[in-house]
């Protein structure tokens, strides 16, 4: 079912390429090169990596890998949040008009309604399944690494929003409203949920999954791998753009710049280490009876 929604997202990307006049190579270049600008209809890096995660976990699920259960649950909950947010936006009359667009309105609505149905079906079916809980050495360690990475990112999100609020650019009220109501800044025809929503959803998922991993919950292993893989990709993009624009020299001009530099120096290796701990598990000894 994850693959069904992934195919839908890929179809929208292909349509965006057709409508914008861009070529597939432009999208591929933008995926690896953060300085490459693409039309709005080609969505954002958050949607790109989310689509890849849907495909990867969907294929693992088809192969009946137990590892895929946690990843599928994570992506289903994120998809559910995305579709429920669209439902909140549809309560606004102006936002709802976007679904009446003669060319894309019905297809957009079908995308979110289908996504909601898929997410609910996955959550209900997988939550019924129970995995044997075995002691693990690497799962809590990987969870701890995930929690540290998530904590660092959350601190920067809060600091960035504090600055925007202080300058009157985007209040805290508008920020939290945008997280649950896309009608404030977006149109349903844009298809993008916005960077703030995807950023917050990913970090909330990281905190929850990290806590479950520390508690040695089996499903947290697959979910943690998916979260960390997405975070690693986004962190690499941040580091890449700093090299390309030569921002590193400015990092030493202020305390904030030094902290930003340290964030990237610490976060990427820690995320990769956490990913390795979760992806290649080492079973602990069974308790002595």
C-alpha atoms as a PDB file:
ATOM      1  CA  UNK A   1       0.000   0.000   0.000  1.00  0.00           C
ATOM      2  CA  UNK A   2       2.916   2.326   0.609  1.00  0.00           C
ATOM      3  CA  UNK A   3       3.991   1.737  -2.965  1.00  0.00           C
ATOM      4  CA  UNK A   4       0.553   2.815  -4.201  1.00  0.00           C
ATOM      5  CA  UNK A   5       0.903   6.233  -2.587  1.00  0.00           C
ATOM      6  CA  UNK A   6       4.530   6.462  -3.719  1.00  0.00           C
ATOM      7  CA  UNK A   7       3.400   5.876  -7.297  1.00  0.00           C
ATOM      8  CA  UNK A   8       0.864   8.682  -6.830  1.00  0.00           C
ATOM      9  CA  UNK A   9       3.585  11.076  -5.655  1.00  0.00           C
ATOM     10  CA  UNK A  10       5.846  10.086  -8.536  1.00  0.00           C
ATOM     11  CA  UNK A  11       2.943  10.742 -10.928  1.00  0.00           C
ATOM     12  CA  UNK A  12       2.564  14.243  -9.497  1.00  0.00           C
ATOM     13  CA  UNK A  13       6.308  14.826  -9.883  1.00  0.00           C
ATOM     14  CA  UNK A  14       6.138  13.725 -13.507  1.00  0.00           C
ATOM     15  CA  UNK A  15       3.177  16.019 -14.041  1.00  0.00           C
ATOM     16  CA  UNK A  16       5.122  18.845 -12.430  1.00  0.00           C
ATOM     17  CA  UNK A  17       7.987  18.220 -14.828  1.00  0.00           C
ATOM     18  CA  UNK A  18       5.583  18.323 -17.767  1.00  0.00           C
ATOM     19  CA  UNK A  19       3.778  21.482 -16.652  1.00  0.00           C
ATOM     20  CA  UNK A  20       6.902  23.413 -15.685  1.00  0.00           C
ATOM     21  CA  UNK A  21       8.932  22.515 -18.754  1.00  0.00           C
ATOM     22  CA  UNK A  22      11.703  21.124 -16.573  1.00  0.00           C
ATOM     23  CA  UNK A  23      13.488  17.906 -17.452  1.00  0.00           C
ATOM     24  CA  UNK A  24      14.013  14.858 -15.232  1.00  0.00           C
ATOM     25  CA  UNK A  25      17.727  15.622 -15.062  1.00  0.00           C
ATOM     26  CA  UNK A  26      16.889  18.937 -13.374  1.00  0.00           C
ATOM     27  CA  UNK A  27      15.051  17.115 -10.598  1.00  0.00           C
ATOM     28  CA  UNK A  28      17.876  14.608 -10.219  1.00  0.00           C
ATOM     29  CA  UNK A  29      20.439  17.403 -10.022  1.00  0.00           C
ATOM     30  CA  UNK A  30      18.359  19.253  -7.428  1.00  0.00           C
ATOM     31  CA  UNK A  31      18.114  16.081  -5.341  1.00  0.00           C
ATOM     32  CA  UNK A  32      21.897  16.026  -4.967  1.00  0.00           C
ATOM     33  CA  UNK A  33      22.690  19.736  -5.394  1.00  0.00           C
ATOM     34  CA  UNK A  34      20.867  22.035  -2.922  1.00  0.00           C
ATOM     35  CA  UNK A  35      21.808  25.149  -4.924  1.00  0.00           C
ATOM     36  CA  UNK A  36      19.763  23.960  -7.913  1.00  0.00           C
ATOM     37  CA  UNK A  37      16.353  25.633  -7.950  1.00  0.00           C
ATOM     38  CA  UNK A  38      13.312  23.764  -9.285  1.00  0.00           C
ATOM     39  CA  UNK A  39       9.707  24.898  -9.934  1.00  0.00           C
ATOM     40  CA  UNK A  40       7.305  24.779  -6.991  1.00  0.00           C
ATOM     41  CA  UNK A  41       5.311  21.927  -8.530  1.00  0.00           C
ATOM     42  CA  UNK A  42       8.344  19.679  -8.109  1.00  0.00           C
ATOM     43  CA  UNK A  43       7.839  19.871  -4.339  1.00  0.00           C
ATOM     44  CA  UNK A  44      10.650  20.043  -1.754  1.00  0.00           C
ATOM     45  CA  UNK A  45      13.513  17.793  -0.559  1.00  0.00           C
ATOM     46  CA  UNK A  46      11.271  16.622   2.286  1.00  0.00           C
ATOM     47  CA  UNK A  47       8.728  15.205  -0.173  1.00  0.00           C
ATOM     48  CA  UNK A  48      11.494  13.713  -2.320  1.00  0.00           C
ATOM     49  CA  UNK A  49      13.075  11.786   0.520  1.00  0.00           C
ATOM     50  CA  UNK A  50       9.630  10.815   1.838  1.00  0.00           C
ATOM     51  CA  UNK A  51       8.799   9.333  -1.573  1.00  0.00           C
ATOM     52  CA  UNK A  52      12.057   7.370  -1.639  1.00  0.00           C
ATOM     53  CA  UNK A  53      11.337   6.077   1.869  1.00  0.00           C
ATOM     54  CA  UNK A  54       7.878   4.939   0.769  1.00  0.00           C
ATOM     55  CA  UNK A  55       9.381   3.030  -2.154  1.00  0.00           C
ATOM     56  CA  UNK A  56      12.183   1.447  -0.109  1.00  0.00           C
ATOM     57  CA  UNK A  57       9.973   0.358   2.797  1.00  0.00           C
ATOM     58  CA  UNK A  58       7.228  -0.758   0.435  1.00  0.00           C
ATOM     59  CA  UNK A  59       9.657  -3.042  -1.407  1.00  0.00           C
ATOM     60  CA  UNK A  60      10.975  -4.440   1.883  1.00  0.00           C
ATOM     61  CA  UNK A  61       7.400  -5.110   2.979  1.00  0.00           C
ATOM     62  CA  UNK A  62       6.712  -6.963  -0.268  1.00  0.00           C
ATOM     63  CA  UNK A  63       9.785  -9.065   0.482  1.00  0.00           C
ATOM     64  CA  UNK A  64       8.173  -9.802   3.858  1.00  0.00           C
ATOM     65  CA  UNK A  65      11.059  -8.423   5.850  1.00  0.00           C
ATOM     66  CA  UNK A  66      10.110  -8.045   9.489  1.00  0.00           C
ATOM     67  CA  UNK A  67      12.420  -5.049   9.540  1.00  0.00           C
ATOM     68  CA  UNK A  68       9.907  -3.186   7.345  1.00  0.00           C
ATOM     69  CA  UNK A  69       7.117  -3.187   9.931  1.00  0.00           C
ATOM     70  CA  UNK A  70       8.517  -0.343  11.988  1.00  0.00           C
ATOM     71  CA  UNK A  71       9.342   1.741   8.922  1.00  0.00           C
ATOM     72  CA  UNK A  72       5.877   1.171   7.480  1.00  0.00           C
ATOM     73  CA  UNK A  73       4.226   2.240  10.731  1.00  0.00           C
ATOM     74  CA  UNK A  74       6.326   5.379  10.878  1.00  0.00           C
ATOM     75  CA  UNK A  75       5.557   6.395   7.293  1.00  0.00           C
ATOM     76  CA  UNK A  76       1.874   5.561   7.750  1.00  0.00           C
ATOM     77  CA  UNK A  77       1.627   7.839  10.793  1.00  0.00           C
ATOM     78  CA  UNK A  78       3.414  10.637   8.915  1.00  0.00           C
ATOM     79  CA  UNK A  79       1.091  10.164   5.940  1.00  0.00           C
ATOM     80  CA  UNK A  80      -1.903  10.170   8.274  1.00  0.00           C
ATOM     81  CA  UNK A  81      -0.763  13.461   9.805  1.00  0.00           C
ATOM     82  CA  UNK A  82      -0.307  14.965   6.333  1.00  0.00           C
ATOM     83  CA  UNK A  83      -3.790  13.970   5.186  1.00  0.00           C
ATOM     84  CA  UNK A  84      -5.495  15.025   8.429  1.00  0.00           C
ATOM     85  CA  UNK A  85      -3.800  18.414   8.086  1.00  0.00           C
ATOM     86  CA  UNK A  86      -5.339  18.738   4.634  1.00  0.00           C
ATOM     87  CA  UNK A  87      -8.700  17.964   6.197  1.00  0.00           C
ATOM     88  CA  UNK A  88      -8.232  20.867   8.591  1.00  0.00           C
ATOM     89  CA  UNK A  89      -7.310  23.129   5.673  1.00  0.00           C
ATOM     90  CA  UNK A  90     -10.467  22.062   3.823  1.00  0.00           C
ATOM     91  CA  UNK A  91     -12.522  23.638   6.601  1.00  0.00           C
ATOM     92  CA  UNK A  92     -11.452  27.014   5.175  1.00  0.00           C
ATOM     93  CA  UNK A  93     -13.703  28.063   2.280  1.00  0.00           C
ATOM     94  CA  UNK A  94     -10.906  29.753   0.314  1.00  0.00           C
ATOM     95  CA  UNK A  95      -8.592  26.794   0.681  1.00  0.00           C
ATOM     96  CA  UNK A  96     -11.399  24.429  -0.262  1.00  0.00           C
ATOM     97  CA  UNK A  97     -11.852  26.240  -3.564  1.00  0.00           C
ATOM     98  CA  UNK A  98      -8.543  24.745  -4.681  1.00  0.00           C
ATOM     99  CA  UNK A  99     -10.172  21.325  -4.784  1.00  0.00           C
ATOM    100  CA  UNK A 100     -12.622  22.659  -7.376  1.00  0.00           C
ATOM    101  CA  UNK A 101      -9.880  23.345  -9.911  1.00  0.00           C
ATOM    102  CA  UNK A 102     -11.088  21.881 -13.243  1.00  0.00           C
ATOM    103  CA  UNK A 103      -7.809  20.136 -14.052  1.00  0.00           C
ATOM    104  CA  UNK A 104      -6.229  19.101 -10.766  1.00  0.00           C
ATOM    105  CA  UNK A 105      -8.766  19.698  -7.999  1.00  0.00           C
ATOM    106  CA  UNK A 106     -10.385  16.262  -8.047  1.00  0.00           C
ATOM    107  CA  UNK A 107      -7.045  14.483  -8.461  1.00  0.00           C
ATOM    108  CA  UNK A 108      -5.596  16.432  -5.539  1.00  0.00           C
ATOM    109  CA  UNK A 109      -8.535  15.522  -3.309  1.00  0.00           C
ATOM    110  CA  UNK A 110      -8.290  11.882  -4.418  1.00  0.00           C
ATOM    111  CA  UNK A 111      -4.581  11.866  -3.549  1.00  0.00           C
ATOM    112  CA  UNK A 112      -5.218  12.935   0.045  1.00  0.00           C
ATOM    113  CA  UNK A 113      -8.347  10.816   0.546  1.00  0.00           C
ATOM    114  CA  UNK A 114      -6.488   7.806  -0.835  1.00  0.00           C
ATOM    115  CA  UNK A 115      -3.492   8.604   1.344  1.00  0.00           C
ATOM    116  CA  UNK A 116      -5.709   8.780   4.419  1.00  0.00           C
ATOM    117  CA  UNK A 117      -7.305   5.410   3.628  1.00  0.00           C
ATOM    118  CA  UNK A 118      -3.908   3.810   3.001  1.00  0.00           C
ATOM    119  CA  UNK A 119      -2.436   5.215   6.221  1.00  0.00           C
ATOM    120  CA  UNK A 120      -5.371   4.041   8.359  1.00  0.00           C
ATOM    121  CA  UNK A 121      -5.290   0.561   6.784  1.00  0.00           C
ATOM    122  CA  UNK A 122      -1.546   0.205   7.451  1.00  0.00           C
ATOM    123  CA  UNK A 123      -1.728   1.462  11.022  1.00  0.00           C
ATOM    124  CA  UNK A 124      -4.676  -0.781  11.920  1.00  0.00           C
ATOM    125  CA  UNK A 125      -3.195  -3.896  10.304  1.00  0.00           C
ATOM    126  CA  UNK A 126       0.338  -3.483  11.647  1.00  0.00           C
ATOM    127  CA  UNK A 127      -0.608  -2.477  15.181  1.00  0.00           C
ATOM    128  CA  UNK A 128      -2.466  -5.768  15.491  1.00  0.00           C
ATOM    129  CA  UNK A 129       0.702  -7.699  14.717  1.00  0.00           C
ATOM    130  CA  UNK A 130       3.023  -8.353  17.626  1.00  0.00           C
ATOM    131  CA  UNK A 131       6.761  -8.827  17.387  1.00  0.00           C
ATOM    132  CA  UNK A 132       8.728 -10.920  19.817  1.00  0.00           C
ATOM    133  CA  UNK A 133      10.598  -8.632  22.151  1.00  0.00           C
ATOM    134  CA  UNK A 134      14.195  -9.711  22.565  1.00  0.00           C
ATOM    135  CA  UNK A 135      16.996  -7.973  24.437  1.00  0.00           C
ATOM    136  CA  UNK A 136      19.212  -5.913  22.150  1.00  0.00           C
ATOM    137  CA  UNK A 137      22.456  -4.092  22.742  1.00  0.00           C
ATOM    138  CA  UNK A 138      22.361  -1.839  19.717  1.00  0.00           C
ATOM    139  CA  UNK A 139      18.704  -0.756  19.734  1.00  0.00           C
ATOM    140  CA  UNK A 140      18.883   1.454  22.869  1.00  0.00           C
ATOM    141  CA  UNK A 141      22.232   2.885  21.731  1.00  0.00           C
ATOM    142  CA  UNK A 142      20.822   3.734  18.316  1.00  0.00           C
ATOM    143  CA  UNK A 143      17.778   5.255  19.990  1.00  0.00           C
ATOM    144  CA  UNK A 144      19.972   7.400  22.216  1.00  0.00           C
ATOM    145  CA  UNK A 145      21.890   8.668  19.178  1.00  0.00           C
ATOM    146  CA  UNK A 146      18.593   9.471  17.451  1.00  0.00           C
ATOM    147  CA  UNK A 147      17.350  11.390  20.492  1.00  0.00           C
ATOM    148  CA  UNK A 148      20.521  13.487  20.635  1.00  0.00           C
ATOM    149  CA  UNK A 149      20.342  14.317  16.913  1.00  0.00           C
ATOM    150  CA  UNK A 150      16.650  15.168  17.208  1.00  0.00           C
ATOM    151  CA  UNK A 151      17.262  17.304  20.297  1.00  0.00           C
ATOM    152  CA  UNK A 152      19.916  19.334  18.487  1.00  0.00           C
ATOM    153  CA  UNK A 153      17.625  19.903  15.497  1.00  0.00           C
ATOM    154  CA  UNK A 154      14.663  20.832  17.685  1.00  0.00           C
ATOM    155  CA  UNK A 155      16.800  23.427  19.482  1.00  0.00           C
ATOM    156  CA  UNK A 156      17.715  25.054  16.156  1.00  0.00           C
ATOM    157  CA  UNK A 157      14.100  25.060  14.957  1.00  0.00           C
ATOM    158  CA  UNK A 158      13.027  26.795  18.163  1.00  0.00           C
ATOM    159  CA  UNK A 159      15.874  29.303  17.891  1.00  0.00           C
ATOM    160  CA  UNK A 160      15.076  30.087  14.247  1.00  0.00           C
ATOM    161  CA  UNK A 161      11.394  30.592  14.991  1.00  0.00           C
ATOM    162  CA  UNK A 162      12.297  32.785  17.988  1.00  0.00           C
ATOM    163  CA  UNK A 163      14.250  35.096  15.685  1.00  0.00           C
ATOM    164  CA  UNK A 164      11.411  35.245  13.154  1.00  0.00           C
ATOM    165  CA  UNK A 165       8.927  36.046  15.902  1.00  0.00           C
ATOM    166  CA  UNK A 166      11.185  38.722  17.406  1.00  0.00           C
ATOM    167  CA  UNK A 167      11.432  40.482  14.029  1.00  0.00           C
ATOM    168  CA  UNK A 168       7.700  40.175  13.434  1.00  0.00           C
ATOM    169  CA  UNK A 169       8.207  38.026  10.337  1.00  0.00           C
ATOM    170  CA  UNK A 170       6.306  34.960  11.532  1.00  0.00           C
ATOM    171  CA  UNK A 171       4.684  34.769  14.960  1.00  0.00           C
ATOM    172  CA  UNK A 172       4.606  31.718  17.178  1.00  0.00           C
ATOM    173  CA  UNK A 173       0.854  31.566  16.715  1.00  0.00           C
ATOM    174  CA  UNK A 174       1.191  31.505  12.934  1.00  0.00           C
ATOM    175  CA  UNK A 175       3.926  28.875  13.183  1.00  0.00           C
ATOM    176  CA  UNK A 176       1.817  26.477  15.240  1.00  0.00           C
ATOM    177  CA  UNK A 177      -1.265  27.163  13.153  1.00  0.00           C
ATOM    178  CA  UNK A 178       0.667  26.356   9.965  1.00  0.00           C
ATOM    179  CA  UNK A 179       1.675  23.004  11.441  1.00  0.00           C
ATOM    180  CA  UNK A 180      -1.960  21.907  11.608  1.00  0.00           C
ATOM    181  CA  UNK A 181      -3.680  24.157   9.052  1.00  0.00           C
ATOM    182  CA  UNK A 182      -2.184  24.538   5.547  1.00  0.00           C
ATOM    183  CA  UNK A 183      -4.701  27.223   4.568  1.00  0.00           C
ATOM    184  CA  UNK A 184      -2.559  29.886   6.240  1.00  0.00           C
ATOM    185  CA  UNK A 185       0.250  29.769   3.665  1.00  0.00           C
ATOM    186  CA  UNK A 186      -0.516  27.141   1.069  1.00  0.00           C
ATOM    187  CA  UNK A 187      -2.911  26.029  -1.626  1.00  0.00           C
ATOM    188  CA  UNK A 188      -3.964  22.396  -2.057  1.00  0.00           C
ATOM    189  CA  UNK A 189      -2.806  22.593  -5.662  1.00  0.00           C
ATOM    190  CA  UNK A 190       0.783  23.195  -4.545  1.00  0.00           C
ATOM    191  CA  UNK A 191       0.769  19.618  -3.143  1.00  0.00           C
ATOM    192  CA  UNK A 192       3.632  20.534  -0.833  1.00  0.00           C
ATOM    193  CA  UNK A 193       2.798  20.493   2.845  1.00  0.00           C
ATOM    194  CA  UNK A 194       5.434  23.147   3.420  1.00  0.00           C
ATOM    195  CA  UNK A 195       8.897  22.861   4.907  1.00  0.00           C
ATOM    196  CA  UNK A 196       7.793  23.725   8.461  1.00  0.00           C
ATOM    197  CA  UNK A 197       5.261  20.906   8.629  1.00  0.00           C
ATOM    198  CA  UNK A 198       7.569  18.234   7.224  1.00  0.00           C
ATOM    199  CA  UNK A 199      10.445  19.419   9.392  1.00  0.00           C
ATOM    200  CA  UNK A 200       8.321  19.306  12.544  1.00  0.00           C
ATOM    201  CA  UNK A 201       6.717  15.969  11.640  1.00  0.00           C
ATOM    202  CA  UNK A 202      10.119  14.387  11.064  1.00  0.00           C
ATOM    203  CA  UNK A 203      11.521  15.688  14.341  1.00  0.00           C
ATOM    204  CA  UNK A 204       8.474  14.611  16.350  1.00  0.00           C
ATOM    205  CA  UNK A 205       8.810  11.179  14.757  1.00  0.00           C
ATOM    206  CA  UNK A 206      12.520  11.129  15.645  1.00  0.00           C
ATOM    207  CA  UNK A 207      11.821  11.899  19.317  1.00  0.00           C
ATOM    208  CA  UNK A 208       9.047   9.301  19.610  1.00  0.00           C
ATOM    209  CA  UNK A 209      10.982   6.586  17.763  1.00  0.00           C
ATOM    210  CA  UNK A 210      14.148   7.379  19.709  1.00  0.00           C
ATOM    211  CA  UNK A 211      12.303   6.971  23.009  1.00  0.00           C
ATOM    212  CA  UNK A 212      10.779   3.676  21.845  1.00  0.00           C
ATOM    213  CA  UNK A 213      14.202   2.435  20.751  1.00  0.00           C
ATOM    214  CA  UNK A 214      15.720   3.260  24.136  1.00  0.00           C
ATOM    215  CA  UNK A 215      12.845   1.268  25.634  1.00  0.00           C
ATOM    216  CA  UNK A 216      13.875  -1.666  23.396  1.00  0.00           C
ATOM    217  CA  UNK A 217      10.654  -1.791  21.363  1.00  0.00           C
ATOM    218  CA  UNK A 218      11.233  -3.998  18.270  1.00  0.00           C
ATOM    219  CA  UNK A 219       9.270  -1.819  15.823  1.00  0.00           C
ATOM    220  CA  UNK A 220      11.529   1.111  16.664  1.00  0.00           C
ATOM    221  CA  UNK A 221      14.422  -0.499  14.781  1.00  0.00           C
ATOM    222  CA  UNK A 222      12.905  -0.206  11.310  1.00  0.00           C
ATOM    223  CA  UNK A 223      11.326   3.145  12.128  1.00  0.00           C
ATOM    224  CA  UNK A 224      14.630   4.474  13.448  1.00  0.00           C
ATOM    225  CA  UNK A 225      16.493   3.441  10.314  1.00  0.00           C
ATOM    226  CA  UNK A 226      13.968   5.305   8.153  1.00  0.00           C
ATOM    227  CA  UNK A 227      14.065   8.453  10.307  1.00  0.00           C
ATOM    228  CA  UNK A 228      17.850   8.527  10.504  1.00  0.00           C
ATOM    229  CA  UNK A 229      18.242   7.884   6.780  1.00  0.00           C
ATOM    230  CA  UNK A 230      15.992  10.871   6.056  1.00  0.00           C
ATOM    231  CA  UNK A 231      17.845  13.038   8.590  1.00  0.00           C
ATOM    232  CA  UNK A 232      21.223  12.032   7.140  1.00  0.00           C
ATOM    233  CA  UNK A 233      20.120  13.050   3.648  1.00  0.00           C
ATOM    234  CA  UNK A 234      18.845  16.434   4.846  1.00  0.00           C
ATOM    235  CA  UNK A 235      21.988  17.012   6.934  1.00  0.00           C
ATOM    236  CA  UNK A 236      24.219  16.220   3.954  1.00  0.00           C
ATOM    237  CA  UNK A 237      22.286  18.819   1.946  1.00  0.00           C
ATOM    238  CA  UNK A 238      22.930  21.411   4.661  1.00  0.00           C
ATOM    239  CA  UNK A 239      26.652  20.652   4.712  1.00  0.00           C
ATOM    240  CA  UNK A 240      26.858  20.585   0.912  1.00  0.00           C
ATOM    241  CA  UNK A 241      25.334  24.038   0.499  1.00  0.00           C
ATOM    242  CA  UNK A 242      27.814  25.447   3.015  1.00  0.00           C
ATOM    243  CA  UNK A 243      30.711  24.122   0.975  1.00  0.00           C
ATOM    244  CA  UNK A 244      29.230  25.356  -2.290  1.00  0.00           C
ATOM    245  CA  UNK A 245      28.521  28.863  -0.981  1.00  0.00           C
ATOM    246  CA  UNK A 246      31.678  29.007   1.143  1.00  0.00           C
ATOM    247  CA  UNK A 247      29.824  29.753   4.372  1.00  0.00           C
ATOM    248  CA  UNK A 248      32.339  28.017   6.622  1.00  0.00           C
ATOM    249  CA  UNK A 249      34.538  31.100   7.094  1.00  0.00           C
ATOM    250  CA  UNK A 250      31.543  33.012   8.463  1.00  0.00           C
ATOM    251  CA  UNK A 251      31.017  30.326  11.100  1.00  0.00           C
ATOM    252  CA  UNK A 252      33.827  31.749  13.220  1.00  0.00           C
ATOM    253  CA  UNK A 253      32.483  35.311  13.232  1.00  0.00           C
ATOM    254  CA  UNK A 254      29.978  34.737  16.026  1.00  0.00           C
ATOM    255  CA  UNK A 255      29.024  32.338  18.801  1.00  0.00           C
ATOM    256  CA  UNK A 256      25.958  31.354  16.806  1.00  0.00           C
ATOM    257  CA  UNK A 257      28.138  30.532  13.805  1.00  0.00           C
ATOM    258  CA  UNK A 258      30.451  28.352  15.893  1.00  0.00           C
ATOM    259  CA  UNK A 259      27.456  26.510  17.363  1.00  0.00           C
ATOM    260  CA  UNK A 260      26.074  25.982  13.859  1.00  0.00           C
ATOM    261  CA  UNK A 261      29.403  24.547  12.745  1.00  0.00           C
ATOM    262  CA  UNK A 262      29.572  22.243  15.775  1.00  0.00           C
ATOM    263  CA  UNK A 263      26.022  21.108  15.068  1.00  0.00           C
ATOM    264  CA  UNK A 264      26.999  19.754  11.666  1.00  0.00           C
ATOM    265  CA  UNK A 265      30.291  18.321  12.927  1.00  0.00           C
ATOM    266  CA  UNK A 266      28.431  16.360  15.610  1.00  0.00           C
ATOM    267  CA  UNK A 267      25.056  15.602  14.019  1.00  0.00           C
ATOM    268  CA  UNK A 268      26.127  13.861  10.823  1.00  0.00           C
ATOM    269  CA  UNK A 269      28.587  11.354  12.364  1.00  0.00           C
ATOM    270  CA  UNK A 270      26.158  10.705  15.227  1.00  0.00           C
ATOM    271  CA  UNK A 271      23.274  10.105  12.815  1.00  0.00           C
ATOM    272  CA  UNK A 272      25.404   7.741  10.702  1.00  0.00           C
ATOM    273  CA  UNK A 273      26.500   5.887  13.837  1.00  0.00           C
ATOM    274  CA  UNK A 274      22.899   5.570  14.998  1.00  0.00           C
ATOM    275  CA  UNK A 275      21.898   4.324  11.560  1.00  0.00           C
ATOM    276  CA  UNK A 276      24.619   1.681  11.665  1.00  0.00           C
ATOM    277  CA  UNK A 277      23.592   0.556  15.144  1.00  0.00           C
ATOM    278  CA  UNK A 278      19.985   0.115  14.079  1.00  0.00           C
ATOM    279  CA  UNK A 279      20.607  -1.344  10.632  1.00  0.00           C
ATOM    280  CA  UNK A 280      23.082  -3.996  11.770  1.00  0.00           C
ATOM    281  CA  UNK A 281      21.707  -5.206  15.054  1.00  0.00           C
ATOM    282  CA  UNK A 282      23.625  -7.251  17.579  1.00  0.00           C
ATOM    283  CA  UNK A 283      21.446  -9.342  19.802  1.00  0.00           C
ATOM    284  CA  UNK A 284      22.062  -9.224  23.482  1.00  0.00           C
ATOM    285  CA  UNK A 285      22.111 -12.353  25.572  1.00  0.00           C
ATOM    286  CA  UNK A 286      18.796 -13.836  26.558  1.00  0.00           C
ATOM    287  CA  UNK A 287      18.087 -13.359  30.228  1.00  0.00           C
ATOM    288  CA  UNK A 288      19.062 -16.269  32.471  1.00  0.00           C
ATOM    289  CA  UNK A 289      16.057 -18.090  33.820  1.00  0.00           C
END
